[in-house]
Amino acid sequence: MAARARGETGGRPPRLTPEQAEQAQQLYDSGTAIPKIAQTFKTGRSTIYDCITPKRS
């Protein structure tokens, strides 16, 4: 509670910056495969899935 009172939110920081997340979304929208996007950003596939909005069919 003391940390929250000081304005600290806690938790692990995001792996991708907002700019990187936007780039990942653009790559996904252009048809790039998730594993290739993950390799580009040197992160796991689950991180990419967390930051993209999937296409609706």
C-alpha atoms as a PDB file:
ATOM      1  CA  MET A   1       0.000   0.000   0.000  1.00  0.00           C
ATOM      2  CA  ALA A   2       2.871   2.381   0.650  1.00  0.00           C
ATOM      3  CA  ALA A   3       4.105   2.003  -2.932  1.00  0.00           C
ATOM      4  CA  ARG A   4       0.660   2.792  -4.297  1.00  0.00           C
ATOM      5  CA  ALA A   5       0.493   5.842  -2.035  1.00  0.00           C
ATOM      6  CA  ARG A   6       3.775   7.039  -3.605  1.00  0.00           C
ATOM      7  CA  GLY A   7       2.224   6.653  -7.053  1.00  0.00           C
ATOM      8  CA  GLU A   8       4.075   3.489  -8.070  1.00  0.00           C
ATOM      9  CA  THR A   9       2.059   0.994 -10.048  1.00  0.00           C
ATOM     10  CA  GLY A  10       4.314  -2.054  -9.735  1.00  0.00           C
ATOM     11  CA  GLY A  11       4.491  -5.015 -12.040  1.00  0.00           C
ATOM     12  CA  ARG A  12       6.766  -5.933 -14.862  1.00  0.00           C
ATOM     13  CA  PRO A  13       7.319  -3.277 -17.547  1.00  0.00           C
ATOM     14  CA  PRO A  14       6.016  -4.028 -21.055  1.00  0.00           C
ATOM     15  CA  ARG A  15       8.456  -5.839 -23.351  1.00  0.00           C
ATOM     16  CA  LEU A  16       7.621  -3.696 -26.383  1.00  0.00           C
ATOM     17  CA  THR A  17       7.391   0.074 -26.467  1.00  0.00           C
ATOM     18  CA  PRO A  18       4.161   1.568 -27.850  1.00  0.00           C
ATOM     19  CA  GLU A  19       6.019   2.368 -31.086  1.00  0.00           C
ATOM     20  CA  GLN A  20       7.228  -1.228 -31.410  1.00  0.00           C
ATOM     21  CA  ALA A  21       3.724  -2.517 -30.711  1.00  0.00           C
ATOM     22  CA  GLU A  22       2.408  -0.305 -33.513  1.00  0.00           C
ATOM     23  CA  GLN A  23       5.103  -1.622 -35.867  1.00  0.00           C
ATOM     24  CA  ALA A  24       4.191  -5.188 -34.899  1.00  0.00           C
ATOM     25  CA  GLN A  25       0.538  -4.449 -35.684  1.00  0.00           C
ATOM     26  CA  GLN A  26       1.480  -3.014 -39.076  1.00  0.00           C
ATOM     27  CA  LEU A  27       3.598  -6.085 -39.873  1.00  0.00           C
ATOM     28  CA  TYR A  28       0.738  -8.359 -38.844  1.00  0.00           C
ATOM     29  CA  ASP A  29      -1.775  -6.395 -40.921  1.00  0.00           C
ATOM     30  CA  SER A  30       0.503  -6.687 -43.962  1.00  0.00           C
ATOM     31  CA  GLY A  31       0.493 -10.488 -43.660  1.00  0.00           C
ATOM     32  CA  THR A  32       3.774 -11.185 -41.855  1.00  0.00           C
ATOM     33  CA  ALA A  33       3.666 -14.368 -39.775  1.00  0.00           C
ATOM     34  CA  ILE A  34       3.648 -14.080 -35.979  1.00  0.00           C
ATOM     35  CA  PRO A  35       6.896 -16.097 -35.505  1.00  0.00           C
ATOM     36  CA  LYS A  36       8.689 -13.794 -37.963  1.00  0.00           C
ATOM     37  CA  ILE A  37       7.428 -10.701 -36.117  1.00  0.00           C
ATOM     38  CA  ALA A  38       8.558 -12.192 -32.804  1.00  0.00           C
ATOM     39  CA  GLN A  39      11.980 -12.906 -34.280  1.00  0.00           C
ATOM     40  CA  THR A  40      12.221  -9.326 -35.543  1.00  0.00           C
ATOM     41  CA  PHE A  41      11.623  -7.899 -32.063  1.00  0.00           C
ATOM     42  CA  LYS A  42      13.604 -10.663 -30.293  1.00  0.00           C
ATOM     43  CA  THR A  43      10.651 -11.661 -28.142  1.00  0.00           C
ATOM     44  CA  GLY A  44       8.242 -14.545 -27.780  1.00  0.00           C
ATOM     45  CA  ARG A  45       5.146 -15.183 -29.864  1.00  0.00           C
ATOM     46  CA  SER A  46       2.918 -14.684 -26.843  1.00  0.00           C
ATOM     47  CA  THR A  47       4.220 -11.129 -26.431  1.00  0.00           C
ATOM     48  CA  ILE A  48       3.255 -10.382 -30.026  1.00  0.00           C
ATOM     49  CA  TYR A  49      -0.193 -11.924 -29.550  1.00  0.00           C
ATOM     50  CA  ASP A  50      -0.653  -9.728 -26.455  1.00  0.00           C
ATOM     51  CA  CYS A  51       0.060  -6.486 -28.317  1.00  0.00           C
ATOM     52  CA  ILE A  52      -1.758  -7.021 -31.645  1.00  0.00           C
ATOM     53  CA  THR A  53      -5.412  -6.917 -32.548  1.00  0.00           C
ATOM     54  CA  PRO A  54      -6.226 -10.002 -34.624  1.00  0.00           C
ATOM     55  CA  LYS A  55      -7.996  -9.702 -37.957  1.00  0.00           C
ATOM     56  CA  ARG A  56     -11.671 -10.551 -38.041  1.00  0.00           C
ATOM     57  CA  SER A  57     -12.824 -12.761 -40.841  1.00  0.00           C
END
